[in-house]
Amino acid sequence: MDPIAELLDLPKIYGTPKKKLAWAVVRTELERAKHYWLTTVRSDGRPHAVPLDGVWLDDVWYYGGSEESVHRRTALAHPPVVMHLPDPIKAVIVEGSVRRTRPGVDLAQRLADTSNEKYGYGNTAGSYAETLALHPSRVIAWMSYLTDATRFRFPAG
């Protein structure tokens, strides 16, 4: 089920969006992206931002990293995060929560296949025996800022 779309309510000085983006357009941007920025919060409240690779599949963003990496430790300790694509003109900003996950065999294979196709890495389904998954609660996106700035709300779950 697609998220609920609504025009973004911007300060009057910025203008008013006129048309909602289709979720399919935003999903395609997330699937195609090779680079993502993840922002987490350290235990002392300081933010941490890092560029990562990842796979957007079935409206969840999967990514990994060393158990020792700051982004992994902070996301697991404080699951609410923000991830966004690097393009400020065609913006996609994802808010949600990170969970450690153990994909089933079929999903793990799809993740490996998608990653191999996207990045050319030698991933196998075993690479995804355990991974991190960002489950979105809200996405803000625009392809033309003052025309189609849209908020997508996902059902809790």
Protein backbone atom coordinates (compact mmCIF):
# COMPACT_ATOMS: atom_id res chain seq x y z
CA MET A 1 0.00 0.00 0.00
CA ASP A 2 1.35 3.40 -0.97
CA PRO A 3 1.80 6.09 1.68
CA ILE A 4 -0.62 8.98 2.03
CA ALA A 5 0.50 11.97 -0.07
CA GLU A 6 -0.20 15.60 0.80
CA LEU A 7 1.19 18.89 -0.44
CA LEU A 8 3.90 20.29 1.81
CA ASP A 9 2.74 23.31 3.81
CA LEU A 10 5.53 25.83 3.22
CA PRO A 11 5.99 29.29 4.72
CA LYS A 12 4.04 31.76 2.54
CA ILE A 13 7.22 33.52 1.40
CA TYR A 14 8.32 30.30 -0.38
CA GLY A 15 5.12 29.79 -2.32
CA THR A 16 2.55 27.02 -2.45
CA PRO A 17 3.03 23.68 -4.18
CA LYS A 18 0.36 23.01 -6.81
CA LYS A 19 0.54 19.27 -7.50
CA LYS A 20 1.38 16.18 -5.50
CA LEU A 21 4.19 13.92 -6.58
CA ALA A 22 3.28 10.33 -7.28
CA TRP A 23 4.85 7.88 -4.83
CA ALA A 24 6.09 5.82 -7.81
CA VAL A 25 8.31 8.74 -8.89
CA VAL A 26 9.85 9.05 -5.42
CA ARG A 27 10.26 5.28 -5.06
CA THR A 28 12.15 5.19 -8.36
CA GLU A 29 14.54 7.90 -7.13
CA LEU A 30 15.19 5.92 -3.93
CA GLU A 31 15.71 2.66 -5.84
CA ARG A 32 18.07 4.20 -8.42
CA ALA A 33 20.20 6.18 -5.97
CA LYS A 34 23.73 4.93 -5.43
CA HIS A 35 24.47 7.34 -2.59
CA TYR A 36 22.48 8.12 0.53
CA TRP A 37 23.22 10.38 3.50
CA LEU A 38 22.28 9.04 6.92
CA THR A 39 21.98 11.26 9.99
CA THR A 40 21.88 9.70 13.44
CA VAL A 41 22.16 11.14 16.95
CA ARG A 42 24.88 10.21 19.42
CA SER A 43 24.02 9.50 23.05
CA ASP A 44 25.19 13.02 24.03
CA GLY A 45 22.82 14.58 21.47
CA ARG A 46 25.41 15.45 18.84
CA PRO A 47 24.37 14.61 15.28
CA HIS A 48 26.39 12.32 13.03
CA ALA A 49 26.04 12.30 9.22
CA VAL A 50 27.66 9.83 6.86
CA PRO A 51 27.35 8.91 3.16
CA LEU A 52 26.48 5.26 2.57
CA ASP A 53 25.43 2.84 -0.09
CA GLY A 54 22.26 0.84 0.33
CA VAL A 55 19.27 -0.80 -1.28
CA TRP A 56 15.69 0.56 -1.31
CA LEU A 57 13.45 -2.46 -1.69
CA ASP A 58 9.75 -2.87 -0.90
CA ASP A 59 9.72 0.64 0.63
CA VAL A 60 12.43 -0.14 3.19
CA TRP A 61 16.06 1.01 3.00
CA TYR A 62 18.61 -1.71 3.78
CA TYR A 63 22.22 -0.92 4.58
CA GLY A 64 25.09 -2.28 6.59
CA GLY A 65 28.43 -1.33 8.00
CA SER A 66 30.87 -2.47 10.60
CA GLU A 67 29.55 -3.13 14.09
CA GLU A 68 32.18 -0.57 15.18
CA SER A 69 30.97 2.25 12.90
CA VAL A 70 29.45 5.31 14.54
CA HIS A 71 26.41 5.33 12.26
CA ARG A 72 25.54 1.73 13.09
CA ARG A 73 26.02 2.10 16.84
CA THR A 74 24.05 5.34 17.03
CA ALA A 75 21.18 4.07 14.84
CA LEU A 76 20.78 0.98 17.00
CA ALA A 77 20.97 2.99 20.23
CA HIS A 78 18.65 5.76 18.94
CA PRO A 79 16.56 4.32 16.08
CA PRO A 80 14.88 7.54 14.81
CA VAL A 81 17.06 8.71 11.89
CA VAL A 82 16.95 10.81 8.74
CA MET A 83 18.23 9.57 5.39
CA HIS A 84 18.29 11.68 2.26
CA LEU A 85 19.51 11.57 -1.28
CA PRO A 86 22.39 13.93 -2.12
CA ASP A 87 20.60 16.00 -4.79
CA PRO A 88 19.14 19.24 -3.33
CA ILE A 89 17.28 20.09 -6.54
CA LYS A 90 15.40 16.77 -6.72
CA ALA A 91 15.14 16.21 -2.99
CA VAL A 92 14.07 13.04 -1.19
CA ILE A 93 14.24 13.06 2.63
CA VAL A 94 13.25 9.94 4.59
CA GLU A 95 12.40 10.00 8.29
CA GLY A 96 11.94 6.75 10.13
CA SER A 97 13.39 4.18 12.51
CA VAL A 98 16.22 1.72 12.06
CA ARG A 99 15.92 -1.90 13.13
CA ARG A 100 18.35 -4.76 12.98
CA THR A 101 16.81 -7.39 10.72
CA ARG A 102 17.45 -10.92 9.54
CA PRO A 103 15.89 -11.18 6.08
CA GLY A 104 14.53 -14.52 4.97
CA VAL A 105 16.34 -16.40 2.21
CA ASP A 106 14.27 -14.91 -0.63
CA LEU A 107 14.61 -11.31 0.56
CA ALA A 108 18.34 -11.77 1.27
CA GLN A 109 18.83 -13.01 -2.30
CA ARG A 110 16.86 -10.07 -3.73
CA LEU A 111 18.99 -7.67 -1.67
CA ALA A 112 22.21 -9.30 -2.90
CA ASP A 113 21.04 -9.31 -6.52
CA THR A 114 19.97 -5.66 -6.35
CA SER A 115 23.23 -4.61 -4.69
CA ASN A 116 25.31 -6.53 -7.24
CA GLU A 117 23.41 -4.95 -10.12
CA LYS A 118 23.65 -1.47 -8.62
CA TYR A 119 27.22 -1.45 -7.30
CA GLY A 120 28.94 -4.47 -8.82
CA TYR A 121 29.91 -5.72 -5.36
CA GLY A 122 30.38 -9.42 -4.77
CA ASN A 123 27.50 -9.68 -2.32
CA THR A 124 25.78 -12.98 -1.68
CA ALA A 125 22.54 -13.69 0.14
CA GLY A 126 24.75 -14.57 3.13
CA SER A 127 25.94 -10.95 3.18
CA TYR A 128 22.41 -10.06 4.26
CA ALA A 129 22.01 -12.66 7.01
CA GLU A 130 21.75 -9.62 9.27
CA THR A 131 21.41 -6.04 8.11
CA LEU A 132 19.96 -2.73 9.18
CA ALA A 133 16.60 -1.63 7.83
CA LEU A 134 15.20 1.90 7.86
CA HIS A 135 11.42 1.75 7.98
CA PRO A 136 10.04 5.11 6.84
CA SER A 137 7.39 7.01 8.74
CA ARG A 138 7.50 10.10 6.56
CA VAL A 139 9.14 11.14 3.29
CA ILE A 140 9.39 14.69 2.02
CA ALA A 141 10.23 15.06 -1.66
CA TRP A 142 10.15 17.39 -4.62
CA MET A 143 11.34 17.19 -8.18
CA SER A 144 10.52 20.90 -8.73
CA TYR A 145 10.49 22.62 -5.32
CA LEU A 146 7.77 25.22 -5.63
CA THR A 147 5.62 23.05 -7.84
CA ASP A 148 5.44 19.58 -6.28
CA ALA A 149 6.80 19.60 -2.72
CA THR A 150 5.01 16.60 -1.23
CA ARG A 151 4.89 14.84 2.15
CA PHE A 152 4.23 11.10 2.25
CA ARG A 153 3.00 9.56 5.48
CA PHE A 154 3.43 5.84 6.08
CA PRO A 155 1.16 3.82 8.33
CA ALA A 156 2.73 2.84 11.65
CA GLY A 157 4.13 -0.62 11.64
